[in-house]
Every structure is written in structure tokens, then in C-alpha cells.
Amino acid sequence: MNVEFVRFALAGGLAAAVNILSRWLLSSFVRFEIAVVIAYLIGMITAFILTRQFVFERSDRHVRSEATRFALVNLVALAQVWIVSVGLAEWVLPWLGIVWQKDLMAHAIGVISPIATSYFGHKKFTFG
């Protein structure tokens, strides 16, 4: 397996944990759908710092350019995370009769869903 992808998955896993924990905390104050977006932004900042530091070699771009490109790739991923998370929580899991911790399960699956598209987006576009 590609060492770079493993480092990306580890950095992403830590950022995903930050994302999920912050969504869980935010859900006490705002609706699930909104908490998913805010938590995603918190996780994205975490992911940028970790990915830039430990995964990909630095590009010739300024950090602001890398951050902008990182955000663009993650806008696509955010759409994927939101659709998967909300779709599972609101329709699929209840239809399957799963109601216990459905938001947590749906969000965890949603956060994991863009790993391949994000990896290639960041490898080619953000840091390439």
C-alpha cells in the first residue's frame, strides 16, 4: 500500500475524530444538519494542518493558495459528507429500523465516504 495514502488516511482519521466529536458537541446547540457543516469546517482546518505537515510534500504555492485549493477540494467532499450523513440519518437508517445512535453512525459513514476523492484531489490539485 502507498505510504503517502496511509499517512493521508491517518491524518484524515484524526481530523475525522475531531469532526465527529465537534458535531456531537454542536448537536447540543444546533440542528444535526447545521452541526454537520460546522463540524466539517473544524475537521477541515485540522486536516489541512496535518496533511500539509505530514502527508504531501510542499508545493511551490504560497500557504494561502494551498489553503484555498484545500478548501475547494473539501467543498466537494462536504457535499458528499452532507448527502451521505443526512441521507442515512433521515431516510436509510430509519427505513432499516436503526434508530439507536443513527446520527453518530450516519455521520461517521459520511465523514469516511470521501477518502479516495479527497486524496486524489489534494495530491493533484492542492499540493501537486
Protein backbone atom coordinates (compact mmCIF):
# COMPACT_ATOMS: atom_id res chain seq x y z
CA MET A 1 0.00 0.00 0.00
CA ASN A 2 1.16 3.54 -0.76
CA VAL A 3 2.82 5.09 2.34
CA GLU A 4 1.57 8.54 1.39
CA PHE A 5 -2.02 7.26 1.27
CA VAL A 6 -1.57 5.62 4.69
CA ARG A 7 -0.32 8.92 6.13
CA PHE A 8 -3.28 10.66 4.46
CA ALA A 9 -5.69 8.14 5.98
CA LEU A 10 -4.13 8.57 9.45
CA ALA A 11 -4.22 12.36 9.26
CA GLY A 12 -7.75 12.17 7.90
CA GLY A 13 -8.73 9.75 10.66
CA LEU A 14 -7.58 12.17 13.32
CA ALA A 15 -9.35 15.05 11.57
CA ALA A 16 -12.45 12.86 11.25
CA ALA A 17 -12.38 12.20 15.00
CA VAL A 18 -12.21 15.96 15.61
CA ASN A 19 -15.06 16.40 13.13
CA ILE A 20 -17.28 13.76 14.76
CA LEU A 21 -16.56 14.90 18.31
CA SER A 22 -17.26 18.53 17.46
CA ARG A 23 -20.50 17.54 15.66
CA TRP A 24 -21.58 15.60 18.73
CA LEU A 25 -20.91 18.63 20.94
CA LEU A 26 -22.52 21.07 18.49
CA SER A 27 -25.65 18.92 18.23
CA SER A 28 -26.50 20.03 21.76
CA PHE A 29 -26.90 23.58 20.45
CA VAL A 30 -27.91 23.40 16.79
CA ARG A 31 -29.78 21.04 14.46
CA PHE A 32 -27.93 17.98 13.15
CA GLU A 33 -27.82 19.28 9.57
CA ILE A 34 -26.14 22.52 10.68
CA ALA A 35 -23.83 20.77 13.14
CA VAL A 36 -22.55 18.54 10.32
CA VAL A 37 -21.46 21.59 8.32
CA ILE A 38 -19.82 23.45 11.24
CA ALA A 39 -18.06 20.30 12.42
CA TYR A 40 -16.85 19.67 8.88
CA LEU A 41 -15.17 23.09 8.85
CA ILE A 42 -13.46 22.36 12.17
CA GLY A 43 -12.29 18.99 10.86
CA MET A 44 -11.15 20.57 7.60
CA ILE A 45 -8.87 23.02 9.39
CA THR A 46 -7.43 20.13 11.38
CA ALA A 47 -6.98 18.10 8.19
CA PHE A 48 -5.22 20.94 6.36
CA ILE A 49 -2.68 21.40 9.13
CA LEU A 50 -1.99 17.66 9.43
CA THR A 51 -1.95 16.98 5.69
CA ARG A 52 0.33 19.89 4.91
CA GLN A 53 2.70 18.96 7.73
CA PHE A 54 2.81 15.16 7.48
CA VAL A 55 1.43 13.85 4.18
CA PHE A 56 2.32 15.68 0.98
CA GLU A 57 5.49 17.47 0.00
CA ARG A 58 5.13 21.24 -0.06
CA SER A 59 4.12 22.68 -3.38
CA ASP A 60 5.66 25.82 -4.87
CA ARG A 61 2.49 27.70 -3.93
CA HIS A 62 2.03 30.07 -1.01
CA VAL A 63 0.24 28.57 2.01
CA ARG A 64 -2.78 30.79 1.23
CA SER A 65 -3.04 29.25 -2.23
CA GLU A 66 -2.74 25.74 -0.80
CA ALA A 67 -5.41 26.54 1.80
CA THR A 68 -7.74 27.90 -0.89
CA ARG A 69 -7.24 24.81 -3.04
CA PHE A 70 -7.67 22.59 0.02
CA ALA A 71 -10.97 24.34 0.77
CA LEU A 72 -12.17 23.88 -2.84
CA VAL A 73 -11.48 20.14 -2.77
CA ASN A 74 -13.22 19.97 0.60
CA LEU A 75 -16.30 21.81 -0.68
CA VAL A 76 -16.84 18.87 -3.00
CA ALA A 77 -16.20 16.48 -0.10
CA LEU A 78 -18.54 18.48 2.17
CA ALA A 79 -21.37 17.94 -0.30
CA GLN A 80 -20.63 14.23 -0.29
CA VAL A 81 -20.40 14.09 3.53
CA TRP A 82 -23.64 16.06 3.96
CA ILE A 83 -25.61 13.99 1.44
CA VAL A 84 -24.40 10.68 2.88
CA SER A 85 -24.80 11.75 6.53
CA VAL A 86 -28.23 13.34 6.23
CA GLY A 87 -29.46 10.72 3.76
CA LEU A 88 -28.50 7.90 6.11
CA ALA A 89 -29.76 9.63 9.27
CA GLU A 90 -33.07 10.82 7.86
CA TRP A 91 -34.04 8.07 5.43
CA VAL A 92 -31.88 4.97 5.13
CA LEU A 93 -31.22 4.05 8.76
CA PRO A 94 -34.82 4.70 9.92
CA TRP A 95 -36.08 2.68 6.93
CA LEU A 96 -33.81 -0.16 8.10
CA GLY A 97 -35.24 0.20 11.62
CA ILE A 98 -31.99 1.58 13.05
CA VAL A 99 -32.68 4.46 15.38
CA TRP A 100 -30.16 3.98 18.22
CA GLN A 101 -27.19 6.31 17.59
CA LYS A 102 -28.35 6.82 14.00
CA ASP A 103 -26.87 10.32 13.82
CA LEU A 104 -23.47 9.11 15.02
CA MET A 105 -23.46 6.15 12.63
CA ALA A 106 -24.64 8.26 9.70
CA HIS A 107 -22.11 10.99 10.36
CA ALA A 108 -19.19 8.56 10.81
CA ILE A 109 -20.00 6.86 7.49
CA GLY A 110 -20.45 10.25 5.84
CA VAL A 111 -17.09 11.53 7.08
CA ILE A 112 -15.31 8.44 5.77
CA SER A 113 -17.05 8.48 2.38
CA PRO A 114 -14.81 10.97 0.50
CA ILE A 115 -11.42 9.46 1.40
CA ALA A 116 -10.42 8.44 -2.15
CA THR A 117 -11.74 11.54 -3.93
CA SER A 118 -10.14 13.82 -1.34
CA TYR A 119 -6.79 12.04 -1.52
CA PHE A 120 -6.53 12.40 -5.29
CA GLY A 121 -7.92 15.95 -5.20
CA HIS A 122 -5.30 17.05 -2.71
CA LYS A 123 -2.49 15.09 -4.34
CA LYS A 124 -3.12 16.52 -7.81
CA PHE A 125 -4.74 19.91 -7.15
CA THR A 126 -3.90 21.17 -3.67
CA PHE A 127 -0.31 20.09 -3.21
CA GLY A 128 0.56 18.84 -6.70
